[in-house]
Amino acid sequence: MHRIAIGCLCLILSNTLFADEVTVPVGQQGDLSKYRPASGMSTEVVKEQFGAPESINDAIGEPPITIWKYKGYSVYFEYNLVIHTVLHKADAKT
């Protein structure tokens, strides 16, 4: 029984000690120099600074999440505050 417990412990520890490392070449990370909406910005500030979005997906879920799509990125809002800005895949290669 003692050997089984030690074997299980070694197996658990080995999984945590040998994690995969993912690297993304700098050229594929997108243009980080471009200014994009930041977390915490309101819809009004985003509209003032970045203009009207190309499209708006209706709010879904609870809390309501709305997606504004711009050329090259999408902005995710919870209620009226930015929670994430995500580059579109095509732009991530530029």
PDB file of N, CA and C in Angstrom:
ATOM      1  N   MET A   1       0.830  -1.195   0.000  1.00  0.00           N
ATOM      2  CA  MET A   1       0.000   0.000   0.000  1.00  0.00           C
ATOM      3  C   MET A   1       0.869   1.252   0.000  1.00  0.00           C
ATOM      4  N   HIS A   2       1.965   1.191   0.754  1.00  0.00           N
ATOM      5  CA  HIS A   2       2.871   2.335   0.852  1.00  0.00           C
ATOM      6  C   HIS A   2       3.508   2.648  -0.499  1.00  0.00           C
ATOM      7  N   ARG A   3       3.863   1.602  -1.261  1.00  0.00           N
ATOM      8  CA  ARG A   3       4.475   1.798  -2.574  1.00  0.00           C
ATOM      9  C   ARG A   3       3.478   2.424  -3.553  1.00  0.00           C
ATOM     10  N   ILE A   4       2.231   2.039  -3.458  1.00  0.00           N
ATOM     11  CA  ILE A   4       1.204   2.609  -4.341  1.00  0.00           C
ATOM     12  C   ILE A   4       1.034   4.100  -4.056  1.00  0.00           C
ATOM     13  N   ALA A   5       1.019   4.462  -2.772  1.00  0.00           N
ATOM     14  CA  ALA A   5       0.867   5.867  -2.400  1.00  0.00           C
ATOM     15  C   ALA A   5       2.054   6.685  -2.896  1.00  0.00           C
ATOM     16  N   ILE A   6       3.254   6.151  -2.755  1.00  0.00           N
ATOM     17  CA  ILE A   6       4.446   6.864  -3.229  1.00  0.00           C
ATOM     18  C   ILE A   6       4.411   6.971  -4.757  1.00  0.00           C
ATOM     19  N   GLY A   7       4.001   5.909  -5.421  1.00  0.00           N
ATOM     20  CA  GLY A   7       3.909   5.927  -6.882  1.00  0.00           C
ATOM     21  C   GLY A   7       2.909   6.970  -7.366  1.00  0.00           C
ATOM     22  N   CYS A   8       1.763   7.047  -6.703  1.00  0.00           N
ATOM     23  CA  CYS A   8       0.745   8.050  -7.068  1.00  0.00           C
ATOM     24  C   CYS A   8       1.269   9.463  -6.832  1.00  0.00           C
ATOM     25  N   LEU A   9       1.938   9.660  -5.727  1.00  0.00           N
ATOM     26  CA  LEU A   9       2.497  10.974  -5.416  1.00  0.00           C
ATOM     27  C   LEU A   9       3.528  11.377  -6.471  1.00  0.00           C
ATOM     28  N   CYS A  10       4.391  10.452  -6.879  1.00  0.00           N
ATOM     29  CA  CYS A  10       5.390  10.742  -7.908  1.00  0.00           C
ATOM     30  C   CYS A  10       4.724  11.084  -9.237  1.00  0.00           C
ATOM     31  N   LEU A  11       3.663  10.378  -9.568  1.00  0.00           N
ATOM     32  CA  LEU A  11       2.941  10.635 -10.811  1.00  0.00           C
ATOM     33  C   LEU A  11       2.310  12.025 -10.796  1.00  0.00           C
ATOM     34  N   ILE A  12       1.710  12.399  -9.699  1.00  0.00           N
ATOM     35  CA  ILE A  12       1.084  13.718  -9.568  1.00  0.00           C
ATOM     36  C   ILE A  12       2.136  14.813  -9.663  1.00  0.00           C
ATOM     37  N   LEU A  13       3.238  14.650  -8.965  1.00  0.00           N
ATOM     38  CA  LEU A  13       4.297  15.660  -8.986  1.00  0.00           C
ATOM     39  C   LEU A  13       4.956  15.769 -10.353  1.00  0.00           C
ATOM     40  N   SER A  14       5.109  14.662 -11.051  1.00  0.00           N
ATOM     41  CA  SER A  14       5.754  14.711 -12.362  1.00  0.00           C
ATOM     42  C   SER A  14       4.909  15.486 -13.356  1.00  0.00           C
ATOM     43  N   ASN A  15       3.595  15.415 -13.246  1.00  0.00           N
ATOM     44  CA  ASN A  15       2.725  16.174 -14.147  1.00  0.00           C
ATOM     45  C   ASN A  15       2.844  17.673 -13.908  1.00  0.00           C
ATOM     46  N   THR A  16       3.071  18.079 -12.685  1.00  0.00           N
ATOM     47  CA  THR A  16       3.178  19.503 -12.402  1.00  0.00           C
ATOM     48  C   THR A  16       4.581  20.032 -12.680  1.00  0.00           C
ATOM     49  N   LEU A  17       5.579  19.172 -12.673  1.00  0.00           N
ATOM     50  CA  LEU A  17       6.950  19.609 -12.886  1.00  0.00           C
ATOM     51  C   LEU A  17       7.325  19.721 -14.353  1.00  0.00           C
ATOM     52  N   PHE A  18       6.615  19.031 -15.224  1.00  0.00           N
ATOM     53  CA  PHE A  18       6.961  19.004 -16.636  1.00  0.00           C
ATOM     54  C   PHE A  18       5.829  19.577 -17.474  1.00  0.00           C
ATOM     55  N   ALA A  19       5.650  20.874 -17.405  1.00  0.00           N
ATOM     56  CA  ALA A  19       4.618  21.542 -18.184  1.00  0.00           C
ATOM     57  C   ALA A  19       5.178  21.914 -19.553  1.00  0.00           C
ATOM     58  N   ASP A  20       4.303  21.955 -20.558  1.00  0.00           N
ATOM     59  CA  ASP A  20       4.715  22.389 -21.882  1.00  0.00           C
ATOM     60  C   ASP A  20       4.912  23.900 -21.884  1.00  0.00           C
ATOM     61  N   GLU A  21       5.911  24.333 -22.609  1.00  0.00           N
ATOM     62  CA  GLU A  21       6.159  25.766 -22.764  1.00  0.00           C
ATOM     63  C   GLU A  21       5.746  26.158 -24.168  1.00  0.00           C
ATOM     64  N   VAL A  22       4.854  27.140 -24.264  1.00  0.00           N
ATOM     65  CA  VAL A  22       4.385  27.609 -25.555  1.00  0.00           C
ATOM     66  C   VAL A  22       5.053  28.937 -25.851  1.00  0.00           C
ATOM     67  N   THR A  23       5.706  29.015 -26.996  1.00  0.00           N
ATOM     68  CA  THR A  23       6.337  30.273 -27.393  1.00  0.00           C
ATOM     69  C   THR A  23       5.694  30.751 -28.683  1.00  0.00           C
ATOM     70  N   VAL A  24       5.483  32.043 -28.758  1.00  0.00           N
ATOM     71  CA  VAL A  24       4.925  32.659 -29.955  1.00  0.00           C
ATOM     72  C   VAL A  24       5.958  33.643 -30.478  1.00  0.00           C
ATOM     73  N   PRO A  25       6.428  33.425 -31.700  1.00  0.00           N
ATOM     74  CA  PRO A  25       7.416  34.343 -32.255  1.00  0.00           C
ATOM     75  C   PRO A  25       6.899  35.779 -32.232  1.00  0.00           C
ATOM     76  N   VAL A  26       7.785  36.721 -32.019  1.00  0.00           N
ATOM     77  CA  VAL A  26       7.407  38.123 -31.905  1.00  0.00           C
ATOM     78  C   VAL A  26       6.618  38.579 -33.120  1.00  0.00           C
ATOM     79  N   GLY A  27       6.973  38.127 -34.298  1.00  0.00           N
ATOM     80  CA  GLY A  27       6.283  38.525 -35.517  1.00  0.00           C
ATOM     81  C   GLY A  27       4.842  38.059 -35.593  1.00  0.00           C
ATOM     82  N   GLN A  28       4.455  37.105 -34.773  1.00  0.00           N
ATOM     83  CA  GLN A  28       3.094  36.585 -34.786  1.00  0.00           C
ATOM     84  C   GLN A  28       2.262  37.079 -33.614  1.00  0.00           C
ATOM     85  N   GLN A  29       2.789  37.964 -32.807  1.00  0.00           N
ATOM     86  CA  GLN A  29       2.064  38.441 -31.637  1.00  0.00           C
ATOM     87  C   GLN A  29       1.183  39.639 -31.937  1.00  0.00           C
ATOM     88  N   GLY A  30       1.190  40.128 -33.137  1.00  0.00           N
ATOM     89  CA  GLY A  30       0.400  41.292 -33.483  1.00  0.00           C
ATOM     90  C   GLY A  30       1.179  42.563 -33.211  1.00  0.00           C
ATOM     91  N   ASP A  31       0.662  43.652 -33.694  1.00  0.00           N
ATOM     92  CA  ASP A  31       1.313  44.943 -33.506  1.00  0.00           C
ATOM     93  C   ASP A  31       0.912  45.516 -32.163  1.00  0.00           C
ATOM     94  N   LEU A  32       1.771  45.354 -31.181  1.00  0.00           N
ATOM     95  CA  LEU A  32       1.460  45.811 -29.833  1.00  0.00           C
ATOM     96  C   LEU A  32       1.586  47.320 -29.697  1.00  0.00           C
ATOM     97  N   SER A  33       2.131  47.980 -30.736  1.00  0.00           N
ATOM     98  CA  SER A  33       2.283  49.426 -30.650  1.00  0.00           C
ATOM     99  C   SER A  33       0.972  50.152 -30.943  1.00  0.00           C
ATOM    100  N   LYS A  34       0.023  49.471 -31.566  1.00  0.00           N
ATOM    101  CA  LYS A  34      -1.271  50.093 -31.853  1.00  0.00           C
ATOM    102  C   LYS A  34      -2.067  50.233 -30.564  1.00  0.00           C
ATOM    103  N   TYR A  35      -2.669  51.384 -30.424  1.00  0.00           N
ATOM    104  CA  TYR A  35      -3.476  51.651 -29.240  1.00  0.00           C
ATOM    105  C   TYR A  35      -4.849  51.022 -29.424  1.00  0.00           C
ATOM    106  N   ARG A  36      -5.299  50.296 -28.411  1.00  0.00           N
ATOM    107  CA  ARG A  36      -6.614  49.645 -28.427  1.00  0.00           C
ATOM    108  C   ARG A  36      -7.327  49.914 -27.120  1.00  0.00           C
ATOM    109  N   PRO A  37      -8.660  49.716 -27.095  1.00  0.00           N
ATOM    110  CA  PRO A  37      -9.400  49.922 -25.845  1.00  0.00           C
ATOM    111  C   PRO A  37      -8.841  49.061 -24.716  1.00  0.00           C
ATOM    112  N   ALA A  38      -8.744  49.659 -23.543  1.00  0.00           N
ATOM    113  CA  ALA A  38      -8.189  48.971 -22.371  1.00  0.00           C
ATOM    114  C   ALA A  38      -9.293  48.588 -21.409  1.00  0.00           C
ATOM    115  N   SER A  39      -9.015  47.591 -20.591  1.00  0.00           N
ATOM    116  CA  SER A  39      -9.981  47.156 -19.577  1.00  0.00           C
ATOM    117  C   SER A  39     -10.402  48.335 -18.718  1.00  0.00           C
ATOM    118  N   GLY A  40     -11.702  48.412 -18.454  1.00  0.00           N
ATOM    119  CA  GLY A  40     -12.237  49.462 -17.602  1.00  0.00           C
ATOM    120  C   GLY A  40     -12.763  50.671 -18.343  1.00  0.00           C
ATOM    121  N   MET A  41     -12.423  50.806 -19.636  1.00  0.00           N
ATOM    122  CA  MET A  41     -12.951  51.937 -20.404  1.00  0.00           C
ATOM    123  C   MET A  41     -14.461  51.770 -20.581  1.00  0.00           C
ATOM    124  N   SER A  42     -15.175  52.865 -20.582  1.00  0.00           N
ATOM    125  CA  SER A  42     -16.622  52.815 -20.803  1.00  0.00           C
ATOM    126  C   SER A  42     -16.923  52.793 -22.298  1.00  0.00           C
ATOM    127  N   THR A  43     -18.154  52.421 -22.636  1.00  0.00           N
ATOM    128  CA  THR A  43     -18.566  52.419 -24.041  1.00  0.00           C
ATOM    129  C   THR A  43     -18.452  53.822 -24.636  1.00  0.00           C
ATOM    130  N   GLU A  44     -18.772  54.833 -23.834  1.00  0.00           N
ATOM    131  CA  GLU A  44     -18.695  56.208 -24.321  1.00  0.00           C
ATOM    132  C   GLU A  44     -17.261  56.595 -24.673  1.00  0.00           C
ATOM    133  N   VAL A  45     -16.315  56.242 -23.803  1.00  0.00           N
ATOM    134  CA  VAL A  45     -14.907  56.564 -24.047  1.00  0.00           C
ATOM    135  C   VAL A  45     -14.398  55.812 -25.273  1.00  0.00           C
ATOM    136  N   VAL A  46     -14.762  54.546 -25.402  1.00  0.00           N
ATOM    137  CA  VAL A  46     -14.331  53.753 -26.561  1.00  0.00           C
ATOM    138  C   VAL A  46     -14.870  54.388 -27.836  1.00  0.00           C
ATOM    139  N   LYS A  47     -16.142  54.775 -27.831  1.00  0.00           N
ATOM    140  CA  LYS A  47     -16.739  55.391 -29.018  1.00  0.00           C
ATOM    141  C   LYS A  47     -16.063  56.725 -29.351  1.00  0.00           C
ATOM    142  N   GLU A  48     -15.740  57.507 -28.329  1.00  0.00           N
ATOM    143  CA  GLU A  48     -15.052  58.793 -28.537  1.00  0.00           C
ATOM    144  C   GLU A  48     -13.658  58.599 -29.132  1.00  0.00           C
ATOM    145  N   GLN A  49     -12.905  57.648 -28.581  1.00  0.00           N
ATOM    146  CA  GLN A  49     -11.505  57.485 -28.965  1.00  0.00           C
ATOM    147  C   GLN A  49     -11.294  56.614 -30.196  1.00  0.00           C
ATOM    148  N   PHE A  50     -12.201  55.666 -30.453  1.00  0.00           N
ATOM    149  CA  PHE A  50     -11.995  54.707 -31.535  1.00  0.00           C
ATOM    150  C   PHE A  50     -13.069  54.759 -32.607  1.00  0.00           C
ATOM    151  N   GLY A  51     -14.100  55.564 -32.389  1.00  0.00           N
ATOM    152  CA  GLY A  51     -15.180  55.669 -33.353  1.00  0.00           C
ATOM    153  C   GLY A  51     -16.204  54.568 -33.181  1.00  0.00           C
ATOM    154  N   ALA A  52     -17.191  54.610 -34.041  1.00  0.00           N
ATOM    155  CA  ALA A  52     -18.253  53.604 -33.992  1.00  0.00           C
ATOM    156  C   ALA A  52     -17.714  52.266 -34.496  1.00  0.00           C
ATOM    157  N   PRO A  53     -18.142  51.168 -33.887  1.00  0.00           N
ATOM    158  CA  PRO A  53     -17.678  49.854 -34.347  1.00  0.00           C
ATOM    159  C   PRO A  53     -18.295  49.495 -35.695  1.00  0.00           C
ATOM    160  N   GLU A  54     -17.667  48.555 -36.398  1.00  0.00           N
ATOM    161  CA  GLU A  54     -18.220  48.056 -37.660  1.00  0.00           C
ATOM    162  C   GLU A  54     -19.514  47.297 -37.423  1.00  0.00           C
ATOM    163  N   SER A  55     -19.564  46.589 -36.273  1.00  0.00           N
ATOM    164  CA  SER A  55     -20.793  45.866 -35.906  1.00  0.00           C
ATOM    165  C   SER A  55     -20.825  45.673 -34.399  1.00  0.00           C
ATOM    166  N   ILE A  56     -22.033  45.440 -33.899  1.00  0.00           N
ATOM    167  CA  ILE A  56     -22.235  45.193 -32.471  1.00  0.00           C
ATOM    168  C   ILE A  56     -23.065  43.926 -32.323  1.00  0.00           C
ATOM    169  N   ASN A  57     -22.527  42.963 -31.566  1.00  0.00           N
ATOM    170  CA  ASN A  57     -23.299  41.756 -31.241  1.00  0.00           C
ATOM    171  C   ASN A  57     -24.149  42.063 -30.018  1.00  0.00           C
ATOM    172  N   ASP A  58     -25.415  41.657 -30.063  1.00  0.00           N
ATOM    173  CA  ASP A  58     -26.314  41.888 -28.931  1.00  0.00           C
ATOM    174  C   ASP A  58     -25.766  41.246 -27.664  1.00  0.00           C
ATOM    175  N   ALA A  59     -26.112  41.840 -26.529  1.00  0.00           N
ATOM    176  CA  ALA A  59     -25.679  41.328 -25.227  1.00  0.00           C
ATOM    177  C   ALA A  59     -26.258  39.939 -24.997  1.00  0.00           C
ATOM    178  N   ILE A  60     -25.409  39.046 -24.461  1.00  0.00           N
ATOM    179  CA  ILE A  60     -25.871  37.708 -24.103  1.00  0.00           C
ATOM    180  C   ILE A  60     -25.352  37.368 -22.713  1.00  0.00           C
ATOM    181  N   GLY A  61     -26.075  36.497 -22.024  1.00  0.00           N
ATOM    182  CA  GLY A  61     -25.630  35.976 -20.740  1.00  0.00           C
ATOM    183  C   GLY A  61     -25.923  36.892 -19.570  1.00  0.00           C
ATOM    184  N   GLU A  62     -25.486  36.440 -18.410  1.00  0.00           N
ATOM    185  CA  GLU A  62     -25.641  37.204 -17.168  1.00  0.00           C
ATOM    186  C   GLU A  62     -24.346  37.093 -16.395  1.00  0.00           C
ATOM    187  N   PRO A  63     -23.546  38.115 -16.224  1.00  0.00           N
ATOM    188  CA  PRO A  63     -23.818  39.482 -16.647  1.00  0.00           C
ATOM    189  C   PRO A  63     -23.799  39.583 -18.175  1.00  0.00           C
ATOM    190  N   PRO A  64     -24.485  40.578 -18.723  1.00  0.00           N
ATOM    191  CA  PRO A  64     -24.555  40.704 -20.178  1.00  0.00           C
ATOM    192  C   PRO A  64     -23.197  41.071 -20.784  1.00  0.00           C
ATOM    193  N   ILE A  65     -22.802  40.320 -21.804  1.00  0.00           N
ATOM    194  CA  ILE A  65     -21.553  40.562 -22.513  1.00  0.00           C
ATOM    195  C   ILE A  65     -21.900  41.002 -23.934  1.00  0.00           C
ATOM    196  N   THR A  66     -21.362  42.141 -24.331  1.00  0.00           N
ATOM    197  CA  THR A  66     -21.574  42.690 -25.666  1.00  0.00           C
ATOM    198  C   THR A  66     -20.232  42.735 -26.376  1.00  0.00           C
ATOM    199  N   ILE A  67     -20.248  42.454 -27.680  1.00  0.00           N
ATOM    200  CA  ILE A  67     -19.017  42.482 -28.467  1.00  0.00           C
ATOM    201  C   ILE A  67     -19.146  43.548 -29.547  1.00  0.00           C
ATOM    202  N   TRP A  68     -18.186  44.467 -29.555  1.00  0.00           N
ATOM    203  CA  TRP A  68     -18.084  45.465 -30.613  1.00  0.00           C
ATOM    204  C   TRP A  68     -16.939  45.034 -31.518  1.00  0.00           C
ATOM    205  N   LYS A  69     -17.213  44.944 -32.818  1.00  0.00           N
ATOM    206  CA  LYS A  69     -16.174  44.520 -33.758  1.00  0.00           C
ATOM    207  C   LYS A  69     -15.656  45.718 -34.537  1.00  0.00           C
ATOM    208  N   TYR A  70     -14.338  45.869 -34.470  1.00  0.00           N
ATOM    209  CA  TYR A  70     -13.621  46.883 -35.230  1.00  0.00           C
ATOM    210  C   TYR A  70     -12.740  46.173 -36.238  1.00  0.00           C
ATOM    211  N   LYS A  71     -12.178  46.918 -37.173  1.00  0.00           N
ATOM    212  CA  LYS A  71     -11.252  46.312 -38.120  1.00  0.00           C
ATOM    213  C   LYS A  71     -10.005  45.867 -37.357  1.00  0.00           C
ATOM    214  N   GLY A  72      -9.778  44.572 -37.309  1.00  0.00           N
ATOM    215  CA  GLY A  72      -8.567  44.048 -36.690  1.00  0.00           C
ATOM    216  C   GLY A  72      -8.708  43.576 -35.258  1.00  0.00           C
ATOM    217  N   TYR A  73      -9.777  43.963 -34.577  1.00  0.00           N
ATOM    218  CA  TYR A  73      -9.941  43.523 -33.189  1.00  0.00           C
ATOM    219  C   TYR A  73     -11.406  43.620 -32.757  1.00  0.00           C
ATOM    220  N   SER A  74     -11.707  42.935 -31.676  1.00  0.00           N
ATOM    221  CA  SER A  74     -13.037  42.981 -31.066  1.00  0.00           C
ATOM    222  C   SER A  74     -12.905  43.419 -29.620  1.00  0.00           C
ATOM    223  N   VAL A  75     -13.894  44.163 -29.161  1.00  0.00           N
ATOM    224  CA  VAL A  75     -13.892  44.668 -27.794  1.00  0.00           C
ATOM    225  C   VAL A  75     -15.069  44.025 -27.058  1.00  0.00           C
ATOM    226  N   TYR A  76     -14.775  43.394 -25.928  1.00  0.00           N
ATOM    227  CA  TYR A  76     -15.795  42.722 -25.122  1.00  0.00           C
ATOM    228  C   TYR A  76     -16.154  43.609 -23.933  1.00  0.00           C
ATOM    229  N   PHE A  77     -17.439  43.864 -23.781  1.00  0.00           N
ATOM    230  CA  PHE A  77     -17.937  44.691 -22.692  1.00  0.00           C
ATOM    231  C   PHE A  77     -18.779  43.864 -21.737  1.00  0.00           C
ATOM    232  N   GLU A  78     -18.633  44.113 -20.459  1.00  0.00           N
ATOM    233  CA  GLU A  78     -19.551  43.603 -19.437  1.00  0.00           C
ATOM    234  C   GLU A  78     -20.314  44.834 -18.967  1.00  0.00           C
ATOM    235  N   TYR A  79     -21.615  44.803 -19.158  1.00  0.00           N
ATOM    236  CA  TYR A  79     -22.437  46.004 -18.999  1.00  0.00           C
ATOM    237  C   TYR A  79     -21.864  47.062 -19.926  1.00  0.00           C
ATOM    238  N   ASN A  80     -21.316  48.148 -19.421  1.00  0.00           N
ATOM    239  CA  ASN A  80     -20.780  49.181 -20.313  1.00  0.00           C
ATOM    240  C   ASN A  80     -19.273  49.385 -20.138  1.00  0.00           C
ATOM    241  N   LEU A  81     -18.574  48.403 -19.584  1.00  0.00           N
ATOM    242  CA  LEU A  81     -17.129  48.519 -19.368  1.00  0.00           C
ATOM    243  C   LEU A  81     -16.357  47.445 -20.132  1.00  0.00           C
ATOM    244  N   VAL A  82     -15.231  47.840 -20.708  1.00  0.00           N
ATOM    245  CA  VAL A  82     -14.373  46.900 -21.446  1.00  0.00           C
ATOM    246  C   VAL A  82     -13.805  45.867 -20.473  1.00  0.00           C
ATOM    247  N   ILE A  83     -13.911  44.591 -20.869  1.00  0.00           N
ATOM    248  CA  ILE A  83     -13.250  43.543 -20.081  1.00  0.00           C
ATOM    249  C   ILE A  83     -12.081  42.931 -20.858  1.00  0.00           C
ATOM    250  N   HIS A  84     -12.141  42.933 -22.207  1.00  0.00           N
ATOM    251  CA  HIS A  84     -11.057  42.398 -23.033  1.00  0.00           C
ATOM    252  C   HIS A  84     -11.075  43.068 -24.396  1.00  0.00           C
ATOM    253  N   THR A  85      -9.911  43.178 -24.996  1.00  0.00           N
ATOM    254  CA  THR A  85      -9.785  43.533 -26.402  1.00  0.00           C
ATOM    255  C   THR A  85      -8.967  42.424 -27.041  1.00  0.00           C
ATOM    256  N   VAL A  86      -9.503  41.840 -28.107  1.00  0.00           N
ATOM    257  CA  VAL A  86      -8.884  40.665 -28.709  1.00  0.00           C
ATOM    258  C   VAL A  86      -8.581  40.937 -30.182  1.00  0.00           C
ATOM    259  N   LEU A  87      -7.329  40.676 -30.588  1.00  0.00           N
ATOM    260  CA  LEU A  87      -6.954  40.808 -31.994  1.00  0.00           C
ATOM    261  C   LEU A  87      -7.621  39.724 -32.811  1.00  0.00           C
ATOM    262  N   HIS A  88      -8.024  40.062 -34.030  1.00  0.00           N
ATOM    263  CA  HIS A  88      -8.528  39.042 -34.949  1.00  0.00           C
ATOM    264  C   HIS A  88      -7.349  38.256 -35.489  1.00  0.00           C
ATOM    265  N   LYS A  89      -7.563  37.012 -35.793  1.00  0.00           N
ATOM    266  CA  LYS A  89      -6.484  36.120 -36.194  1.00  0.00           C
ATOM    267  C   LYS A  89      -5.714  36.635 -37.407  1.00  0.00           C
ATOM    268  N   ALA A  90      -6.381  37.181 -38.391  1.00  0.00           N
ATOM    269  CA  ALA A  90      -5.695  37.677 -39.587  1.00  0.00           C
ATOM    270  C   ALA A  90      -4.699  38.765 -39.236  1.00  0.00           C
ATOM    271  N   ASP A  91      -5.017  39.623 -38.251  1.00  0.00           N
ATOM    272  CA  ASP A  91      -4.118  40.695 -37.862  1.00  0.00           C
ATOM    273  C   ASP A  91      -2.976  40.209 -36.994  1.00  0.00           C
ATOM    274  N   ALA A  92      -3.118  39.070 -36.364  1.00  0.00           N
ATOM    275  CA  ALA A  92      -2.072  38.565 -35.476  1.00  0.00           C
ATOM    276  C   ALA A  92      -0.823  38.199 -36.277  1.00  0.00           C
ATOM    277  N   LYS A  93      -0.941  38.048 -37.604  1.00  0.00           N
ATOM    278  CA  LYS A  93       0.208  37.677 -38.428  1.00  0.00           C
ATOM    279  C   LYS A  93       0.921  38.886 -39.016  1.00  0.00           C
ATOM    280  N   THR A  94       0.415  40.078 -38.801  1.00  0.00           N
ATOM    281  CA  THR A  94       1.035  41.267 -39.393  1.00  0.00           C
ATOM    282  C   THR A  94       2.143  41.799 -38.528  1.00  0.00           C
TER     283      THR A  94
END
